[in-house]
Amino acid sequence: MTLANLVVPAFLVFWTLIVIVPLVIVAVFSFFDVKFYQIVYEPTLNTWRSLIDSGRWLVALKTFRITVTITLIELVLALPFALWLAKGCKSKPAKAIFLTLLTVPFFLEVSSRIIVWRPVLGTNGIVNVILMQIGVVDQPVEWLLYSEFAVHFGLLGTYFPTMVFPIFMSISLIDDDLLAASKDLGGNGAQTFMNIVLPLALPGIIVGIVFTSVPLMATFVESQLL
């Protein structure tokens, strides 16, 4: 067996040990109680009852709903941008600049990149001041901040790169000859996208969804600030 044939099995084993096994352990221990800092190995549903009785399952459900909506919005925005950046942008300096700008959120602390929106979206913020000055509203719009809209808006920029980069890499690997062949055979832009680009970019799309949705489900600082 060659080294190349060992890479995938080795990765699957490694991934199972560091991701799947810990999740299974957490799920198993959720059926035991902890008393006096010790685990009582008697099966019980107390943990799940407390989750339901305390209403925390509603918070989990809301978190999942917001994660799904933000991930879908990111996908809708990132897919055409990644396609343009990989195949439409012919200027190498411009492509390098855009890729560099996409890395900016990774160099900013969580609260720093989120708290900047508070003076922008607040009742006395820039947006409300402009809306009142041009006569769109008579009083400040309160739902721009401390709402689900603010959470969605603030998180879009943070997790946009995690969706763009995998899709960009997948599309960049698509041979230009395939796109040219589709055009020569009479395929329009939509047909080329649906029959060639989308299937070949699917691995990157799946990775982008995972890289975006998983961190979103664990996000709490940004949500509290917004």
C-alpha atoms as a PDB file:
ATOM      1  CA  MET A   1       0.000   0.000   0.000  1.00  0.00           C
ATOM      2  CA  THR A   2       1.418   3.367  -1.042  1.00  0.00           C
ATOM      3  CA  LEU A   3       1.678   6.448   1.148  1.00  0.00           C
ATOM      4  CA  ALA A   4      -1.138   8.115  -0.797  1.00  0.00           C
ATOM      5  CA  ASN A   5      -3.478   5.229   0.018  1.00  0.00           C
ATOM      6  CA  LEU A   6      -2.652   5.545   3.721  1.00  0.00           C
ATOM      7  CA  VAL A   7      -3.394   9.264   3.988  1.00  0.00           C
ATOM      8  CA  VAL A   8      -7.196   9.073   3.883  1.00  0.00           C
ATOM      9  CA  PRO A   9      -7.556   6.138   6.356  1.00  0.00           C
ATOM     10  CA  ALA A  10      -5.048   7.785   8.700  1.00  0.00           C
ATOM     11  CA  PHE A  11      -6.961  11.066   8.559  1.00  0.00           C
ATOM     12  CA  LEU A  12     -10.283   9.306   9.218  1.00  0.00           C
ATOM     13  CA  VAL A  13      -8.822   7.523  12.233  1.00  0.00           C
ATOM     14  CA  PHE A  14      -7.313  10.764  13.555  1.00  0.00           C
ATOM     15  CA  TRP A  15     -10.577  12.671  12.963  1.00  0.00           C
ATOM     16  CA  THR A  16     -12.570   9.959  14.725  1.00  0.00           C
ATOM     17  CA  LEU A  17     -10.294  10.019  17.760  1.00  0.00           C
ATOM     18  CA  ILE A  18     -10.265  13.797  18.248  1.00  0.00           C
ATOM     19  CA  VAL A  19     -13.843  14.631  17.179  1.00  0.00           C
ATOM     20  CA  ILE A  20     -16.233  11.691  17.086  1.00  0.00           C
ATOM     21  CA  VAL A  21     -15.032   9.847  20.202  1.00  0.00           C
ATOM     22  CA  PRO A  22     -15.205  12.946  22.485  1.00  0.00           C
ATOM     23  CA  LEU A  23     -18.733  13.682  21.241  1.00  0.00           C
ATOM     24  CA  VAL A  24     -19.811  10.114  21.964  1.00  0.00           C
ATOM     25  CA  ILE A  25     -18.281  10.331  25.459  1.00  0.00           C
ATOM     26  CA  VAL A  26     -20.149  13.579  26.168  1.00  0.00           C
ATOM     27  CA  ALA A  27     -23.400  12.006  24.968  1.00  0.00           C
ATOM     28  CA  VAL A  28     -22.874   8.948  27.188  1.00  0.00           C
ATOM     29  CA  PHE A  29     -22.017  10.975  30.299  1.00  0.00           C
ATOM     30  CA  SER A  30     -25.146  13.084  29.822  1.00  0.00           C
ATOM     31  CA  PHE A  31     -27.064  10.083  31.177  1.00  0.00           C
ATOM     32  CA  PHE A  32     -25.185  10.144  34.514  1.00  0.00           C
ATOM     33  CA  ASP A  33     -25.409  12.490  37.487  1.00  0.00           C
ATOM     34  CA  VAL A  34     -22.586  14.369  39.190  1.00  0.00           C
ATOM     35  CA  LYS A  35     -22.786  14.572  42.980  1.00  0.00           C
ATOM     36  CA  PHE A  36     -20.088  16.081  45.174  1.00  0.00           C
ATOM     37  CA  TYR A  37     -17.838  16.425  42.120  1.00  0.00           C
ATOM     38  CA  GLN A  38     -18.060  12.703  41.426  1.00  0.00           C
ATOM     39  CA  ILE A  39     -19.864  10.900  38.651  1.00  0.00           C
ATOM     40  CA  VAL A  40     -22.614   8.558  39.786  1.00  0.00           C
ATOM     41  CA  TYR A  41     -22.691   5.694  37.312  1.00  0.00           C
ATOM     42  CA  GLU A  42     -26.431   5.124  37.466  1.00  0.00           C
ATOM     43  CA  PRO A  43     -28.384   5.848  34.266  1.00  0.00           C
ATOM     44  CA  THR A  44     -30.717   8.815  34.657  1.00  0.00           C
ATOM     45  CA  LEU A  45     -32.506  11.396  32.538  1.00  0.00           C
ATOM     46  CA  ASN A  46     -32.022  14.233  35.044  1.00  0.00           C
ATOM     47  CA  THR A  47     -29.704  16.145  32.731  1.00  0.00           C
ATOM     48  CA  TRP A  48     -32.200  16.049  29.882  1.00  0.00           C
ATOM     49  CA  ARG A  49     -35.110  16.872  32.223  1.00  0.00           C
ATOM     50  CA  SER A  50     -33.273  19.938  33.511  1.00  0.00           C
ATOM     51  CA  LEU A  51     -32.551  20.976  29.935  1.00  0.00           C
ATOM     52  CA  ILE A  52     -36.268  20.916  29.132  1.00  0.00           C
ATOM     53  CA  ASP A  53     -37.560  22.297  32.441  1.00  0.00           C
ATOM     54  CA  SER A  54     -35.132  25.235  32.456  1.00  0.00           C
ATOM     55  CA  GLY A  55     -36.057  26.246  28.911  1.00  0.00           C
ATOM     56  CA  ARG A  56     -32.465  25.979  27.718  1.00  0.00           C
ATOM     57  CA  TRP A  57     -33.623  23.813  24.829  1.00  0.00           C
ATOM     58  CA  LEU A  58     -35.377  26.904  23.444  1.00  0.00           C
ATOM     59  CA  VAL A  59     -32.052  28.739  23.492  1.00  0.00           C
ATOM     60  CA  ALA A  60     -30.408  25.802  21.720  1.00  0.00           C
ATOM     61  CA  LEU A  61     -33.191  25.762  19.135  1.00  0.00           C
ATOM     62  CA  LYS A  62     -32.872  29.505  18.553  1.00  0.00           C
ATOM     63  CA  THR A  63     -29.096  29.160  18.240  1.00  0.00           C
ATOM     64  CA  PHE A  64     -29.518  26.428  15.654  1.00  0.00           C
ATOM     65  CA  ARG A  65     -32.059  28.507  13.704  1.00  0.00           C
ATOM     66  CA  ILE A  66     -29.795  31.565  13.610  1.00  0.00           C
ATOM     67  CA  THR A  67     -26.832  29.369  12.633  1.00  0.00           C
ATOM     68  CA  VAL A  68     -28.759  27.935   9.692  1.00  0.00           C
ATOM     69  CA  THR A  69     -29.961  31.319   8.434  1.00  0.00           C
ATOM     70  CA  ILE A  70     -26.534  32.966   8.700  1.00  0.00           C
ATOM     71  CA  THR A  71     -24.864  29.994   7.007  1.00  0.00           C
ATOM     72  CA  LEU A  72     -27.338  30.138   4.115  1.00  0.00           C
ATOM     73  CA  ILE A  73     -26.846  33.894   3.719  1.00  0.00           C
ATOM     74  CA  GLU A  74     -23.072  33.436   3.773  1.00  0.00           C
ATOM     75  CA  LEU A  75     -23.347  30.735   1.093  1.00  0.00           C
ATOM     76  CA  VAL A  76     -25.502  32.923  -1.159  1.00  0.00           C
ATOM     77  CA  LEU A  77     -23.019  35.795  -0.826  1.00  0.00           C
ATOM     78  CA  ALA A  78     -19.804  33.766  -0.904  1.00  0.00           C
ATOM     79  CA  LEU A  79     -20.494  31.488  -3.885  1.00  0.00           C
ATOM     80  CA  PRO A  80     -20.728  34.194  -6.589  1.00  0.00           C
ATOM     81  CA  PHE A  81     -17.891  36.164  -4.968  1.00  0.00           C
ATOM     82  CA  ALA A  82     -15.623  33.108  -4.860  1.00  0.00           C
ATOM     83  CA  LEU A  83     -16.520  32.283  -8.474  1.00  0.00           C
ATOM     84  CA  TRP A  84     -15.647  35.796  -9.610  1.00  0.00           C
ATOM     85  CA  LEU A  85     -12.444  35.849  -7.542  1.00  0.00           C
ATOM     86  CA  ALA A  86     -11.289  32.464  -8.880  1.00  0.00           C
ATOM     87  CA  LYS A  87     -12.283  32.770 -12.531  1.00  0.00           C
ATOM     88  CA  GLY A  88     -13.533  36.285 -13.220  1.00  0.00           C
ATOM     89  CA  CYS A  89     -10.819  38.419 -11.647  1.00  0.00           C
ATOM     90  CA  LYS A  90      -7.950  38.433 -14.130  1.00  0.00           C
ATOM     91  CA  SER A  91      -5.768  40.926 -12.267  1.00  0.00           C
ATOM     92  CA  LYS A  92      -3.353  39.094  -9.989  1.00  0.00           C
ATOM     93  CA  PRO A  93      -2.662  42.186  -7.810  1.00  0.00           C
ATOM     94  CA  ALA A  94      -6.420  42.719  -7.318  1.00  0.00           C
ATOM     95  CA  LYS A  95      -6.902  39.054  -6.464  1.00  0.00           C
ATOM     96  CA  ALA A  96      -4.056  39.237  -3.948  1.00  0.00           C
ATOM     97  CA  ILE A  97      -5.576  42.352  -2.367  1.00  0.00           C
ATOM     98  CA  PHE A  98      -9.007  40.736  -1.986  1.00  0.00           C
ATOM     99  CA  LEU A  99      -7.523  37.565  -0.504  1.00  0.00           C
ATOM    100  CA  THR A 100      -5.494  39.644   1.938  1.00  0.00           C
ATOM    101  CA  LEU A 101      -8.558  41.652   2.977  1.00  0.00           C
ATOM    102  CA  LEU A 102     -10.412  38.411   3.663  1.00  0.00           C
ATOM    103  CA  THR A 103      -7.822  37.508   6.284  1.00  0.00           C
ATOM    104  CA  VAL A 104      -8.344  40.744   8.258  1.00  0.00           C
ATOM    105  CA  PRO A 105     -11.082  39.325  10.572  1.00  0.00           C
ATOM    106  CA  PHE A 106      -8.697  36.590  11.722  1.00  0.00           C
ATOM    107  CA  PHE A 107      -6.293  39.217  13.111  1.00  0.00           C
ATOM    108  CA  LEU A 108      -8.925  41.043  15.170  1.00  0.00           C
ATOM    109  CA  GLU A 109     -10.102  40.027  18.618  1.00  0.00           C
ATOM    110  CA  VAL A 110     -13.737  38.925  18.756  1.00  0.00           C
ATOM    111  CA  SER A 111     -15.075  41.857  20.765  1.00  0.00           C
ATOM    112  CA  SER A 112     -13.015  44.346  18.747  1.00  0.00           C
ATOM    113  CA  ARG A 113     -14.498  43.362  15.396  1.00  0.00           C
ATOM    114  CA  ILE A 114     -18.049  43.284  16.777  1.00  0.00           C
ATOM    115  CA  ILE A 115     -18.257  46.223  19.161  1.00  0.00           C
ATOM    116  CA  VAL A 116     -17.511  48.616  16.299  1.00  0.00           C
ATOM    117  CA  TRP A 117     -21.074  48.054  15.045  1.00  0.00           C
ATOM    118  CA  ARG A 118     -22.665  49.377  18.241  1.00  0.00           C
ATOM    119  CA  PRO A 119     -21.987  53.079  17.529  1.00  0.00           C
ATOM    120  CA  VAL A 120     -22.997  52.464  13.911  1.00  0.00           C
ATOM    121  CA  LEU A 121     -26.305  50.668  14.507  1.00  0.00           C
ATOM    122  CA  GLY A 122     -27.313  52.245  17.837  1.00  0.00           C
ATOM    123  CA  THR A 123     -30.203  54.675  18.292  1.00  0.00           C
ATOM    124  CA  ASN A 124     -27.702  57.544  18.148  1.00  0.00           C
ATOM    125  CA  GLY A 125     -25.513  55.781  15.613  1.00  0.00           C
ATOM    126  CA  ILE A 126     -24.465  56.794  12.148  1.00  0.00           C
ATOM    127  CA  VAL A 127     -27.204  54.837  10.371  1.00  0.00           C
ATOM    128  CA  ASN A 128     -30.040  56.339  12.401  1.00  0.00           C
ATOM    129  CA  VAL A 129     -28.607  59.839  12.090  1.00  0.00           C
ATOM    130  CA  ILE A 130     -28.473  59.525   8.291  1.00  0.00           C
ATOM    131  CA  LEU A 131     -31.973  58.010   8.091  1.00  0.00           C
ATOM    132  CA  MET A 132     -33.450  60.862  10.134  1.00  0.00           C
ATOM    133  CA  GLN A 133     -31.553  63.555   8.250  1.00  0.00           C
ATOM    134  CA  ILE A 134     -32.794  62.373   4.857  1.00  0.00           C
ATOM    135  CA  GLY A 135     -36.320  61.993   6.205  1.00  0.00           C
ATOM    136  CA  VAL A 136     -36.713  58.228   5.930  1.00  0.00           C
ATOM    137  CA  VAL A 137     -37.727  57.910   9.609  1.00  0.00           C
ATOM    138  CA  ASP A 138     -38.907  60.397  12.230  1.00  0.00           C
ATOM    139  CA  GLN A 139     -37.332  58.625  15.200  1.00  0.00           C
ATOM    140  CA  PRO A 140     -34.412  56.222  15.658  1.00  0.00           C
ATOM    141  CA  VAL A 141     -34.905  52.642  14.470  1.00  0.00           C
ATOM    142  CA  GLU A 142     -34.405  50.537  17.584  1.00  0.00           C
ATOM    143  CA  TRP A 143     -34.255  47.070  15.994  1.00  0.00           C
ATOM    144  CA  LEU A 144     -30.950  47.835  14.292  1.00  0.00           C
ATOM    145  CA  LEU A 145     -29.170  46.946  17.541  1.00  0.00           C
ATOM    146  CA  TYR A 146     -29.810  44.419  20.327  1.00  0.00           C
ATOM    147  CA  SER A 147     -31.892  42.247  18.038  1.00  0.00           C
ATOM    148  CA  GLU A 148     -31.612  39.168  15.847  1.00  0.00           C
ATOM    149  CA  PHE A 149     -31.016  41.487  12.900  1.00  0.00           C
ATOM    150  CA  ALA A 150     -27.945  42.920  14.639  1.00  0.00           C
ATOM    151  CA  VAL A 151     -26.651  39.421  15.419  1.00  0.00           C
ATOM    152  CA  HIS A 152     -27.087  38.351  11.796  1.00  0.00           C
ATOM    153  CA  PHE A 153     -25.544  41.542  10.439  1.00  0.00           C
ATOM    154  CA  GLY A 154     -22.583  41.532  12.811  1.00  0.00           C
ATOM    155  CA  LEU A 155     -21.695  37.884  12.255  1.00  0.00           C
ATOM    156  CA  LEU A 156     -21.868  38.005   8.455  1.00  0.00           C
ATOM    157  CA  GLY A 157     -18.556  39.785   8.087  1.00  0.00           C
ATOM    158  CA  THR A 158     -16.844  37.644  10.702  1.00  0.00           C
ATOM    159  CA  TYR A 159     -17.625  34.306   9.058  1.00  0.00           C
ATOM    160  CA  PHE A 160     -17.636  35.382   5.422  1.00  0.00           C
ATOM    161  CA  PRO A 161     -13.978  34.335   4.908  1.00  0.00           C
ATOM    162  CA  THR A 162     -14.571  30.849   6.325  1.00  0.00           C
ATOM    163  CA  MET A 163     -17.171  30.309   3.620  1.00  0.00           C
ATOM    164  CA  VAL A 164     -15.271  31.993   0.785  1.00  0.00           C
ATOM    165  CA  PHE A 165     -11.846  30.367   1.116  1.00  0.00           C
ATOM    166  CA  PRO A 166     -12.871  26.687   0.686  1.00  0.00           C
ATOM    167  CA  ILE A 167     -15.178  27.518  -2.227  1.00  0.00           C
ATOM    168  CA  PHE A 168     -12.510  29.687  -3.822  1.00  0.00           C
ATOM    169  CA  MET A 169      -9.953  26.879  -3.580  1.00  0.00           C
ATOM    170  CA  SER A 170     -12.342  24.342  -5.155  1.00  0.00           C
ATOM    171  CA  ILE A 171     -13.269  26.631  -8.044  1.00  0.00           C
ATOM    172  CA  SER A 172      -9.629  27.593  -8.623  1.00  0.00           C
ATOM    173  CA  LEU A 173      -8.815  23.921  -9.218  1.00  0.00           C
ATOM    174  CA  ILE A 174     -11.401  23.632 -12.002  1.00  0.00           C
ATOM    175  CA  ASP A 175      -9.630  23.370 -15.355  1.00  0.00           C
ATOM    176  CA  ASP A 176     -10.382  26.366 -17.583  1.00  0.00           C
ATOM    177  CA  ASP A 177     -10.509  23.996 -20.542  1.00  0.00           C
ATOM    178  CA  LEU A 178     -13.710  22.495 -19.131  1.00  0.00           C
ATOM    179  CA  LEU A 179     -15.339  25.916 -19.040  1.00  0.00           C
ATOM    180  CA  ALA A 180     -14.128  26.661 -22.554  1.00  0.00           C
ATOM    181  CA  ALA A 181     -15.433  23.305 -23.783  1.00  0.00           C
ATOM    182  CA  SER A 182     -18.843  24.022 -22.297  1.00  0.00           C
ATOM    183  CA  LYS A 183     -18.935  27.356 -24.106  1.00  0.00           C
ATOM    184  CA  ASP A 184     -17.837  25.766 -27.402  1.00  0.00           C
ATOM    185  CA  LEU A 185     -20.624  23.194 -27.101  1.00  0.00           C
ATOM    186  CA  GLY A 186     -23.214  25.962 -26.794  1.00  0.00           C
ATOM    187  CA  GLY A 187     -23.665  25.993 -23.050  1.00  0.00           C
ATOM    188  CA  ASN A 188     -24.665  29.319 -21.559  1.00  0.00           C
ATOM    189  CA  GLY A 189     -23.428  30.678 -18.249  1.00  0.00           C
ATOM    190  CA  ALA A 190     -26.185  29.073 -16.189  1.00  0.00           C
ATOM    191  CA  GLN A 191     -25.665  25.656 -17.804  1.00  0.00           C
ATOM    192  CA  THR A 192     -21.909  25.825 -17.298  1.00  0.00           C
ATOM    193  CA  PHE A 193     -22.389  26.760 -13.677  1.00  0.00           C
ATOM    194  CA  MET A 194     -24.964  24.050 -12.932  1.00  0.00           C
ATOM    195  CA  ASN A 195     -23.292  21.212 -14.867  1.00  0.00           C
ATOM    196  CA  ILE A 196     -19.590  21.920 -14.325  1.00  0.00           C
ATOM    197  CA  VAL A 197     -18.794  24.547 -11.695  1.00  0.00           C
ATOM    198  CA  LEU A 198     -21.303  23.548  -9.033  1.00  0.00           C
ATOM    199  CA  PRO A 199     -20.565  19.779  -9.008  1.00  0.00           C
ATOM    200  CA  LEU A 200     -16.803  20.329  -8.976  1.00  0.00           C
ATOM    201  CA  ALA A 201     -17.062  23.042  -6.305  1.00  0.00           C
ATOM    202  CA  LEU A 202     -19.324  20.943  -4.086  1.00  0.00           C
ATOM    203  CA  PRO A 203     -16.505  19.685  -1.807  1.00  0.00           C
ATOM    204  CA  GLY A 204     -15.485  23.284  -1.123  1.00  0.00           C
ATOM    205  CA  ILE A 205     -19.101  24.271  -0.502  1.00  0.00           C
ATOM    206  CA  ILE A 206     -19.516  21.469   2.038  1.00  0.00           C
ATOM    207  CA  VAL A 207     -16.275  22.425   3.788  1.00  0.00           C
ATOM    208  CA  GLY A 208     -17.351  26.083   3.821  1.00  0.00           C
ATOM    209  CA  ILE A 209     -20.698  25.168   5.393  1.00  0.00           C
ATOM    210  CA  VAL A 210     -18.958  23.100   8.082  1.00  0.00           C
ATOM    211  CA  PHE A 211     -16.280  25.731   8.791  1.00  0.00           C
ATOM    212  CA  THR A 212     -18.986  28.394   9.093  1.00  0.00           C
ATOM    213  CA  SER A 213     -21.811  26.642  10.907  1.00  0.00           C
ATOM    214  CA  VAL A 214     -19.779  24.819  13.575  1.00  0.00           C
ATOM    215  CA  PRO A 215     -18.095  27.970  15.012  1.00  0.00           C
ATOM    216  CA  LEU A 216     -21.406  29.840  14.748  1.00  0.00           C
ATOM    217  CA  MET A 217     -23.110  27.357  17.051  1.00  0.00           C
ATOM    218  CA  ALA A 218     -20.471  28.061  19.713  1.00  0.00           C
ATOM    219  CA  THR A 219     -20.603  31.833  19.339  1.00  0.00           C
ATOM    220  CA  PHE A 220     -21.773  33.704  22.439  1.00  0.00           C
ATOM    221  CA  VAL A 221     -19.589  36.823  22.858  1.00  0.00           C
ATOM    222  CA  GLU A 222     -20.723  38.398  19.595  1.00  0.00           C
ATOM    223  CA  SER A 223     -24.367  37.601  20.337  1.00  0.00           C
ATOM    224  CA  GLN A 224     -24.180  39.191  23.784  1.00  0.00           C
ATOM    225  CA  LEU A 225     -22.527  42.342  22.442  1.00  0.00           C
ATOM    226  CA  LEU A 226     -25.120  42.741  19.694  1.00  0.00           C
END
